[in-house]
Amino acid sequence: MKKVLYAGAFDPITKGHMDIIERASKLGDQLIVCVMGNRSKNHFFTFEERSDMIKKCTSHLPNVEVDFFEGLLADYVNMHQIDAVVRGLRATTDFEYEIQMAQMNARLYDKGAETIFLMTTPTYSFVSSSIIKEVFSLNGDIEGLVPDLVLEELKRKYNR
């Protein structure tokens, strides 16, 4: 069984993330979408909230599993015997950072998992979770850039 991993903060999940998830789900027998934690970041949504939103947004994809992990990506890859790690790219600036991370991780993977870069569909190439939160916090319109469920959760969190 080929296991593929797509990991990120997903705070919150966007339509750009969903684009990558739907395409990555076709690359292996199982796609694990892993919500990664980082103690140095102040996340808007909890692990549980992010995981729950992703589960609901991916319920139409039978080979997608949602997990969460705090630590090195390479540790997760090694513990779960992942065959490939998918990384989404929006622009060349993403590539510069991601190639460094991929090369470091390649050194740390026990069994030589591959890193696969998928370009985000141009429609969502400007969308990031940070921009979504900023625009929404300033009463901007983000409809169509996040799943409807996420929009409702943002409204709930901001008491709108």
N, C-alpha and C. Protein backbone atom coordinates (compact mmCIF):
# COMPACT_ATOMS: atom_id res chain seq x y z
N MET A 1 0.84 -1.18 0.00
CA MET A 1 0.00 0.00 0.00
C MET A 1 0.89 1.25 0.00
N LYS A 2 0.65 2.13 -0.95
CA LYS A 2 1.39 3.39 -1.05
C LYS A 2 0.71 4.44 -0.17
N LYS A 3 1.50 4.97 0.78
CA LYS A 3 0.98 6.00 1.68
C LYS A 3 1.59 7.35 1.31
N VAL A 4 0.70 8.32 1.14
CA VAL A 4 1.09 9.68 0.79
C VAL A 4 0.68 10.58 1.95
N LEU A 5 1.53 11.56 2.25
CA LEU A 5 1.27 12.49 3.34
C LEU A 5 1.21 13.91 2.82
N TYR A 6 0.21 14.65 3.27
CA TYR A 6 0.14 16.09 3.03
C TYR A 6 0.00 16.73 4.40
N ALA A 7 1.02 17.44 4.82
CA ALA A 7 1.06 18.00 6.16
C ALA A 7 1.11 19.52 6.11
N GLY A 8 0.51 20.14 7.11
CA GLY A 8 0.55 21.59 7.22
C GLY A 8 -0.20 22.05 8.44
N ALA A 9 -0.23 23.34 8.64
CA ALA A 9 -0.95 23.90 9.79
C ALA A 9 -2.46 23.94 9.52
N PHE A 10 -2.84 24.23 8.28
CA PHE A 10 -4.25 24.27 7.88
C PHE A 10 -5.08 25.12 8.86
N ASP A 11 -4.61 26.35 9.10
CA ASP A 11 -5.24 27.20 10.12
C ASP A 11 -5.79 28.48 9.50
N PRO A 12 -6.91 28.39 8.77
CA PRO A 12 -7.74 27.23 8.48
C PRO A 12 -7.43 26.62 7.11
N ILE A 13 -8.11 25.53 6.81
CA ILE A 13 -7.99 24.91 5.50
C ILE A 13 -8.66 25.83 4.47
N THR A 14 -8.03 25.96 3.31
CA THR A 14 -8.54 26.83 2.25
C THR A 14 -8.91 26.00 1.04
N LYS A 15 -9.48 26.65 0.04
CA LYS A 15 -9.79 25.95 -1.22
C LYS A 15 -8.50 25.57 -1.94
N GLY A 16 -7.42 26.31 -1.72
CA GLY A 16 -6.12 25.94 -2.27
C GLY A 16 -5.64 24.62 -1.68
N HIS A 17 -5.78 24.47 -0.35
CA HIS A 17 -5.44 23.20 0.30
C HIS A 17 -6.31 22.07 -0.25
N MET A 18 -7.60 22.35 -0.40
CA MET A 18 -8.51 21.32 -0.90
C MET A 18 -8.14 20.88 -2.31
N ASP A 19 -7.71 21.81 -3.13
CA ASP A 19 -7.26 21.50 -4.48
C ASP A 19 -6.09 20.50 -4.41
N ILE A 20 -5.13 20.77 -3.54
CA ILE A 20 -3.97 19.87 -3.40
C ILE A 20 -4.42 18.53 -2.84
N ILE A 21 -5.28 18.52 -1.85
CA ILE A 21 -5.77 17.26 -1.25
C ILE A 21 -6.46 16.40 -2.29
N GLU A 22 -7.36 16.99 -3.07
CA GLU A 22 -8.10 16.21 -4.06
C GLU A 22 -7.16 15.61 -5.10
N ARG A 23 -6.17 16.36 -5.52
CA ARG A 23 -5.21 15.85 -6.51
C ARG A 23 -4.26 14.83 -5.89
N ALA A 24 -3.81 15.09 -4.67
CA ALA A 24 -2.87 14.17 -3.99
C ALA A 24 -3.55 12.85 -3.63
N SER A 25 -4.85 12.86 -3.44
CA SER A 25 -5.56 11.62 -3.09
C SER A 25 -5.48 10.58 -4.20
N LYS A 26 -5.13 11.02 -5.40
CA LYS A 26 -5.02 10.11 -6.54
C LYS A 26 -3.61 9.53 -6.70
N LEU A 27 -2.67 9.97 -5.84
CA LEU A 27 -1.27 9.57 -5.99
C LEU A 27 -0.89 8.31 -5.22
N GLY A 28 -1.78 7.83 -4.37
CA GLY A 28 -1.47 6.64 -3.58
C GLY A 28 -2.74 5.96 -3.13
N ASP A 29 -2.56 4.87 -2.41
CA ASP A 29 -3.71 4.13 -1.89
C ASP A 29 -4.35 4.87 -0.72
N GLN A 30 -3.51 5.57 0.04
CA GLN A 30 -3.99 6.31 1.20
C GLN A 30 -3.31 7.67 1.25
N LEU A 31 -4.10 8.71 1.49
CA LEU A 31 -3.56 10.05 1.71
C LEU A 31 -3.85 10.42 3.15
N ILE A 32 -2.80 10.73 3.89
CA ILE A 32 -2.95 11.21 5.26
C ILE A 32 -2.77 12.72 5.22
N VAL A 33 -3.78 13.44 5.67
CA VAL A 33 -3.68 14.88 5.82
C VAL A 33 -3.37 15.09 7.30
N CYS A 34 -2.18 15.59 7.57
CA CYS A 34 -1.73 15.71 8.95
C CYS A 34 -1.65 17.18 9.37
N VAL A 35 -2.40 17.51 10.39
CA VAL A 35 -2.35 18.84 10.97
C VAL A 35 -1.12 18.88 11.87
N MET A 36 -0.16 19.69 11.49
CA MET A 36 1.10 19.78 12.23
C MET A 36 1.03 20.92 13.25
N GLY A 37 1.55 20.65 14.41
CA GLY A 37 1.59 21.66 15.46
C GLY A 37 2.96 22.27 15.56
N ASN A 38 3.00 23.47 16.04
CA ASN A 38 4.26 24.17 16.24
C ASN A 38 4.06 25.09 17.45
N ARG A 39 4.75 24.78 18.54
CA ARG A 39 4.57 25.54 19.77
C ARG A 39 4.92 27.02 19.62
N SER A 40 5.75 27.35 18.63
CA SER A 40 6.15 28.75 18.45
C SER A 40 5.07 29.57 17.74
N LYS A 41 4.07 28.91 17.18
CA LYS A 41 3.00 29.61 16.48
C LYS A 41 1.75 29.68 17.37
N ASN A 42 1.06 30.78 17.26
CA ASN A 42 -0.20 30.94 17.96
C ASN A 42 -1.32 30.66 16.96
N HIS A 43 -1.85 29.45 17.00
CA HIS A 43 -2.88 29.04 16.05
C HIS A 43 -4.24 29.62 16.42
N PHE A 44 -5.00 29.98 15.41
CA PHE A 44 -6.35 30.52 15.61
C PHE A 44 -7.31 29.41 15.99
N PHE A 45 -7.24 28.30 15.26
CA PHE A 45 -8.08 27.13 15.54
C PHE A 45 -7.25 26.08 16.27
N THR A 46 -7.87 25.33 17.15
CA THR A 46 -7.19 24.25 17.87
C THR A 46 -6.91 23.08 16.92
N PHE A 47 -6.05 22.15 17.37
CA PHE A 47 -5.81 20.93 16.60
C PHE A 47 -7.14 20.24 16.28
N GLU A 48 -7.97 20.12 17.30
CA GLU A 48 -9.23 19.40 17.14
C GLU A 48 -10.15 20.10 16.15
N GLU A 49 -10.23 21.42 16.23
CA GLU A 49 -11.09 22.17 15.31
C GLU A 49 -10.59 22.03 13.87
N ARG A 50 -9.28 22.16 13.68
CA ARG A 50 -8.71 22.03 12.33
C ARG A 50 -8.92 20.62 11.79
N SER A 51 -8.66 19.61 12.62
CA SER A 51 -8.85 18.22 12.20
C SER A 51 -10.29 17.95 11.83
N ASP A 52 -11.21 18.44 12.66
CA ASP A 52 -12.64 18.22 12.41
C ASP A 52 -13.08 18.87 11.10
N MET A 53 -12.62 20.11 10.85
CA MET A 53 -12.99 20.78 9.60
C MET A 53 -12.45 20.01 8.40
N ILE A 54 -11.21 19.53 8.49
CA ILE A 54 -10.62 18.78 7.37
C ILE A 54 -11.38 17.48 7.14
N LYS A 55 -11.72 16.77 8.22
CA LYS A 55 -12.50 15.52 8.07
C LYS A 55 -13.80 15.77 7.34
N LYS A 56 -14.49 16.83 7.72
CA LYS A 56 -15.77 17.14 7.08
C LYS A 56 -15.58 17.56 5.63
N CYS A 57 -14.54 18.35 5.36
CA CYS A 57 -14.29 18.84 4.00
C CYS A 57 -13.80 17.74 3.06
N THR A 58 -13.23 16.67 3.61
CA THR A 58 -12.70 15.59 2.77
C THR A 58 -13.54 14.32 2.84
N SER A 59 -14.72 14.40 3.42
CA SER A 59 -15.55 13.19 3.61
C SER A 59 -15.91 12.52 2.28
N HIS A 60 -15.85 13.24 1.18
CA HIS A 60 -16.17 12.67 -0.13
C HIS A 60 -14.98 11.89 -0.74
N LEU A 61 -13.83 11.91 -0.06
CA LEU A 61 -12.64 11.23 -0.55
C LEU A 61 -12.37 10.01 0.33
N PRO A 62 -12.72 8.81 -0.14
CA PRO A 62 -12.66 7.62 0.73
C PRO A 62 -11.27 7.21 1.19
N ASN A 63 -10.22 7.62 0.51
CA ASN A 63 -8.88 7.18 0.90
C ASN A 63 -8.12 8.24 1.71
N VAL A 64 -8.85 9.27 2.18
CA VAL A 64 -8.22 10.33 2.96
C VAL A 64 -8.46 10.10 4.45
N GLU A 65 -7.39 10.16 5.20
CA GLU A 65 -7.42 10.04 6.66
C GLU A 65 -6.83 11.32 7.22
N VAL A 66 -7.34 11.77 8.35
CA VAL A 66 -6.84 13.00 8.98
C VAL A 66 -6.17 12.64 10.31
N ASP A 67 -5.02 13.22 10.55
CA ASP A 67 -4.26 12.97 11.77
C ASP A 67 -3.67 14.30 12.24
N PHE A 68 -3.10 14.33 13.43
CA PHE A 68 -2.36 15.51 13.84
C PHE A 68 -1.11 15.07 14.59
N PHE A 69 -0.10 15.94 14.52
CA PHE A 69 1.22 15.60 15.07
C PHE A 69 1.95 16.87 15.44
N GLU A 70 2.69 16.78 16.53
CA GLU A 70 3.54 17.89 16.94
C GLU A 70 4.96 17.38 16.96
N GLY A 71 5.81 17.94 16.13
CA GLY A 71 7.20 17.50 16.06
C GLY A 71 7.72 17.63 14.65
N LEU A 72 8.82 16.95 14.40
CA LEU A 72 9.45 16.98 13.08
C LEU A 72 8.63 16.17 12.07
N LEU A 73 8.45 16.74 10.90
CA LEU A 73 7.77 16.03 9.83
C LEU A 73 8.45 14.69 9.56
N ALA A 74 9.78 14.67 9.56
CA ALA A 74 10.53 13.44 9.29
C ALA A 74 10.22 12.36 10.33
N ASP A 75 10.00 12.75 11.56
CA ASP A 75 9.64 11.76 12.59
C ASP A 75 8.30 11.11 12.27
N TYR A 76 7.34 11.92 11.85
CA TYR A 76 6.03 11.37 11.46
C TYR A 76 6.17 10.43 10.27
N VAL A 77 6.92 10.88 9.26
CA VAL A 77 7.14 10.07 8.05
C VAL A 77 7.76 8.73 8.42
N ASN A 78 8.76 8.73 9.28
CA ASN A 78 9.43 7.50 9.66
C ASN A 78 8.53 6.59 10.50
N MET A 79 7.78 7.16 11.43
CA MET A 79 6.89 6.37 12.29
C MET A 79 5.77 5.69 11.51
N HIS A 80 5.30 6.36 10.46
CA HIS A 80 4.14 5.87 9.72
C HIS A 80 4.50 5.26 8.36
N GLN A 81 5.77 5.11 8.11
CA GLN A 81 6.27 4.50 6.87
C GLN A 81 5.62 5.11 5.62
N ILE A 82 5.74 6.41 5.54
CA ILE A 82 5.18 7.18 4.43
C ILE A 82 6.07 7.01 3.20
N ASP A 83 5.45 6.84 2.04
CA ASP A 83 6.19 6.67 0.78
C ASP A 83 6.48 8.00 0.10
N ALA A 84 5.55 8.95 0.22
CA ALA A 84 5.72 10.24 -0.46
C ALA A 84 5.08 11.35 0.36
N VAL A 85 5.73 12.50 0.34
CA VAL A 85 5.23 13.69 1.02
C VAL A 85 4.90 14.72 -0.04
N VAL A 86 3.67 15.19 -0.02
CA VAL A 86 3.21 16.19 -0.98
C VAL A 86 3.34 17.57 -0.35
N ARG A 87 3.87 18.49 -1.13
CA ARG A 87 3.96 19.89 -0.72
C ARG A 87 3.32 20.74 -1.82
N GLY A 88 2.47 21.65 -1.41
CA GLY A 88 1.82 22.55 -2.36
C GLY A 88 2.64 23.81 -2.55
N LEU A 89 2.73 24.23 -3.78
CA LEU A 89 3.48 25.45 -4.12
C LEU A 89 2.54 26.46 -4.77
N ARG A 90 2.64 27.71 -4.33
CA ARG A 90 1.85 28.78 -4.92
C ARG A 90 2.68 29.64 -5.86
N ALA A 91 3.94 29.86 -5.49
CA ALA A 91 4.81 30.76 -6.27
C ALA A 91 6.26 30.33 -6.09
N THR A 92 7.14 30.98 -6.82
CA THR A 92 8.56 30.63 -6.75
C THR A 92 9.13 30.86 -5.35
N THR A 93 8.59 31.81 -4.63
CA THR A 93 9.09 32.04 -3.26
C THR A 93 8.80 30.84 -2.38
N ASP A 94 7.67 30.16 -2.58
CA ASP A 94 7.38 28.92 -1.84
C ASP A 94 8.43 27.86 -2.17
N PHE A 95 8.81 27.79 -3.44
CA PHE A 95 9.75 26.75 -3.87
C PHE A 95 11.09 26.89 -3.17
N GLU A 96 11.58 28.11 -3.03
CA GLU A 96 12.89 28.32 -2.39
C GLU A 96 12.90 27.77 -0.97
N TYR A 97 11.86 28.03 -0.22
CA TYR A 97 11.75 27.52 1.14
C TYR A 97 11.55 26.00 1.13
N GLU A 98 10.62 25.54 0.30
CA GLU A 98 10.25 24.12 0.29
C GLU A 98 11.39 23.21 -0.17
N ILE A 99 12.22 23.65 -1.10
CA ILE A 99 13.32 22.82 -1.57
C ILE A 99 14.34 22.61 -0.45
N GLN A 100 14.57 23.65 0.34
CA GLN A 100 15.48 23.50 1.49
C GLN A 100 14.92 22.49 2.48
N MET A 101 13.65 22.61 2.77
CA MET A 101 13.01 21.69 3.71
C MET A 101 13.03 20.26 3.17
N ALA A 102 12.73 20.10 1.89
CA ALA A 102 12.72 18.77 1.28
C ALA A 102 14.09 18.12 1.34
N GLN A 103 15.12 18.91 1.09
CA GLN A 103 16.48 18.36 1.12
C GLN A 103 16.90 17.98 2.54
N MET A 104 16.53 18.79 3.53
CA MET A 104 16.83 18.44 4.91
C MET A 104 16.05 17.20 5.32
N ASN A 105 14.77 17.16 4.97
CA ASN A 105 13.95 16.00 5.33
C ASN A 105 14.45 14.73 4.66
N ALA A 106 14.90 14.82 3.42
CA ALA A 106 15.42 13.64 2.72
C ALA A 106 16.56 13.01 3.51
N ARG A 107 17.34 13.85 4.15
CA ARG A 107 18.44 13.37 4.99
C ARG A 107 17.93 12.64 6.23
N LEU A 108 16.74 13.02 6.69
CA LEU A 108 16.19 12.49 7.94
C LEU A 108 15.25 11.30 7.75
N TYR A 109 14.75 11.10 6.53
CA TYR A 109 13.83 9.99 6.28
C TYR A 109 14.60 8.67 6.33
N ASP A 110 14.08 7.71 7.07
CA ASP A 110 14.72 6.39 7.20
C ASP A 110 14.71 5.60 5.89
N LYS A 111 13.60 5.63 5.20
CA LYS A 111 13.44 4.76 4.04
C LYS A 111 13.35 5.53 2.72
N GLY A 112 13.82 6.75 2.70
CA GLY A 112 13.89 7.50 1.45
C GLY A 112 12.57 7.93 0.86
N ALA A 113 11.64 8.39 1.68
CA ALA A 113 10.38 8.90 1.15
C ALA A 113 10.67 10.02 0.16
N GLU A 114 9.86 10.10 -0.87
CA GLU A 114 10.01 11.14 -1.89
C GLU A 114 9.18 12.36 -1.54
N THR A 115 9.64 13.53 -1.94
CA THR A 115 8.85 14.75 -1.82
C THR A 115 8.32 15.08 -3.21
N ILE A 116 7.01 15.31 -3.28
CA ILE A 116 6.35 15.64 -4.53
C ILE A 116 5.78 17.05 -4.40
N PHE A 117 6.15 17.93 -5.32
CA PHE A 117 5.63 19.29 -5.32
C PHE A 117 4.46 19.38 -6.29
N LEU A 118 3.33 19.89 -5.81
CA LEU A 118 2.17 20.13 -6.66
C LEU A 118 1.90 21.64 -6.69
N MET A 119 1.79 22.16 -7.88
CA MET A 119 1.45 23.58 -8.03
C MET A 119 -0.04 23.76 -7.75
N THR A 120 -0.35 24.77 -6.96
CA THR A 120 -1.75 25.08 -6.70
C THR A 120 -2.40 25.60 -7.98
N THR A 121 -3.64 25.26 -8.17
CA THR A 121 -4.39 25.78 -9.30
C THR A 121 -4.31 27.31 -9.28
N PRO A 122 -4.06 27.94 -10.43
CA PRO A 122 -3.90 29.41 -10.46
C PRO A 122 -5.01 30.19 -9.77
N THR A 123 -6.21 29.67 -9.79
CA THR A 123 -7.34 30.34 -9.13
C THR A 123 -7.06 30.64 -7.67
N TYR A 124 -6.27 29.76 -7.02
CA TYR A 124 -6.02 29.90 -5.58
C TYR A 124 -4.55 30.21 -5.28
N SER A 125 -3.79 30.63 -6.26
CA SER A 125 -2.35 30.81 -6.07
C SER A 125 -2.00 31.93 -5.09
N PHE A 126 -2.91 32.82 -4.83
CA PHE A 126 -2.66 33.94 -3.92
C PHE A 126 -3.21 33.67 -2.52
N VAL A 127 -3.90 32.55 -2.34
CA VAL A 127 -4.60 32.29 -1.09
C VAL A 127 -3.68 31.59 -0.09
N SER A 128 -3.64 32.13 1.12
CA SER A 128 -2.96 31.47 2.23
C SER A 128 -3.85 31.59 3.46
N SER A 129 -3.65 30.72 4.42
CA SER A 129 -4.43 30.78 5.65
C SER A 129 -4.24 32.12 6.35
N SER A 130 -3.02 32.63 6.33
CA SER A 130 -2.74 33.92 6.98
C SER A 130 -3.52 35.05 6.34
N ILE A 131 -3.54 35.08 5.01
CA ILE A 131 -4.29 36.13 4.31
C ILE A 131 -5.78 35.99 4.57
N ILE A 132 -6.26 34.76 4.58
CA ILE A 132 -7.68 34.51 4.85
C ILE A 132 -8.06 35.10 6.21
N LYS A 133 -7.27 34.79 7.24
CA LYS A 133 -7.58 35.28 8.59
C LYS A 133 -7.50 36.81 8.66
N GLU A 134 -6.50 37.39 8.01
CA GLU A 134 -6.35 38.84 8.05
C GLU A 134 -7.51 39.54 7.35
N VAL A 135 -7.83 39.09 6.15
CA VAL A 135 -8.92 39.71 5.39
C VAL A 135 -10.24 39.56 6.14
N PHE A 136 -10.49 38.35 6.66
CA PHE A 136 -11.74 38.12 7.38
C PHE A 136 -11.82 38.98 8.64
N SER A 137 -10.71 39.11 9.37
CA SER A 137 -10.70 39.90 10.61
C SER A 137 -11.00 41.37 10.35
N LEU A 138 -10.73 41.82 9.13
CA LEU A 138 -10.99 43.21 8.75
C LEU A 138 -12.29 43.35 7.95
N ASN A 139 -13.16 42.33 8.08
CA ASN A 139 -14.49 42.31 7.45
C ASN A 139 -14.44 42.21 5.93
N GLY A 140 -13.36 41.67 5.38
CA GLY A 140 -13.28 41.46 3.94
C GLY A 140 -14.00 40.19 3.53
N ASP A 141 -14.31 40.09 2.26
CA ASP A 141 -15.06 38.97 1.70
C ASP A 141 -14.11 37.84 1.30
N ILE A 142 -14.24 36.69 1.94
CA ILE A 142 -13.43 35.52 1.61
C ILE A 142 -14.27 34.38 1.04
N GLU A 143 -15.52 34.66 0.74
CA GLU A 143 -16.40 33.63 0.20
C GLU A 143 -15.81 33.08 -1.10
N GLY A 144 -15.82 31.76 -1.22
CA GLY A 144 -15.27 31.10 -2.40
C GLY A 144 -13.79 30.77 -2.28
N LEU A 145 -13.14 31.28 -1.24
CA LEU A 145 -11.72 31.00 -1.03
C LEU A 145 -11.49 29.94 0.05
N VAL A 146 -12.53 29.68 0.83
CA VAL A 146 -12.49 28.63 1.84
C VAL A 146 -13.76 27.80 1.68
N PRO A 147 -13.73 26.54 2.11
CA PRO A 147 -14.98 25.77 2.10
C PRO A 147 -16.04 26.47 2.95
N ASP A 148 -17.31 26.29 2.60
CA ASP A 148 -18.41 26.95 3.32
C ASP A 148 -18.35 26.66 4.82
N LEU A 149 -18.04 25.44 5.16
CA LEU A 149 -17.93 25.04 6.57
C LEU A 149 -16.90 25.90 7.31
N VAL A 150 -15.78 26.18 6.67
CA VAL A 150 -14.73 27.00 7.28
C VAL A 150 -15.22 28.44 7.46
N LEU A 151 -15.92 28.95 6.47
CA LEU A 151 -16.48 30.30 6.58
C LEU A 151 -17.40 30.39 7.79
N GLU A 152 -18.24 29.38 7.99
CA GLU A 152 -19.14 29.36 9.15
C GLU A 152 -18.37 29.28 10.46
N GLU A 153 -17.30 28.50 10.49
CA GLU A 153 -16.47 28.40 11.71
C GLU A 153 -15.76 29.72 12.01
N LEU A 154 -15.30 30.40 10.98
CA LEU A 154 -14.69 31.71 11.18
C LEU A 154 -15.70 32.71 11.74
N LYS A 155 -16.90 32.68 11.20
CA LYS A 155 -17.95 33.57 11.70
C LYS A 155 -18.25 33.27 13.17
N ARG A 156 -18.28 31.99 13.51
CA ARG A 156 -18.55 31.58 14.90
C ARG A 156 -17.42 32.09 15.81
N LYS A 157 -16.18 31.90 15.39
CA LYS A 157 -15.02 32.31 16.22
C LYS A 157 -14.98 33.83 16.40
N TYR A 158 -15.36 34.56 15.36
CA TYR A 158 -15.35 36.03 15.42
C TYR A 158 -16.68 36.60 15.93
N ASN A 159 -17.59 35.70 16.33
CA ASN A 159 -18.91 36.11 16.85
C ASN A 159 -19.68 36.99 15.87
N ARG A 160 -19.74 36.54 14.61
CA ARG A 160 -20.48 37.31 13.59
C ARG A 160 -21.73 36.55 13.21
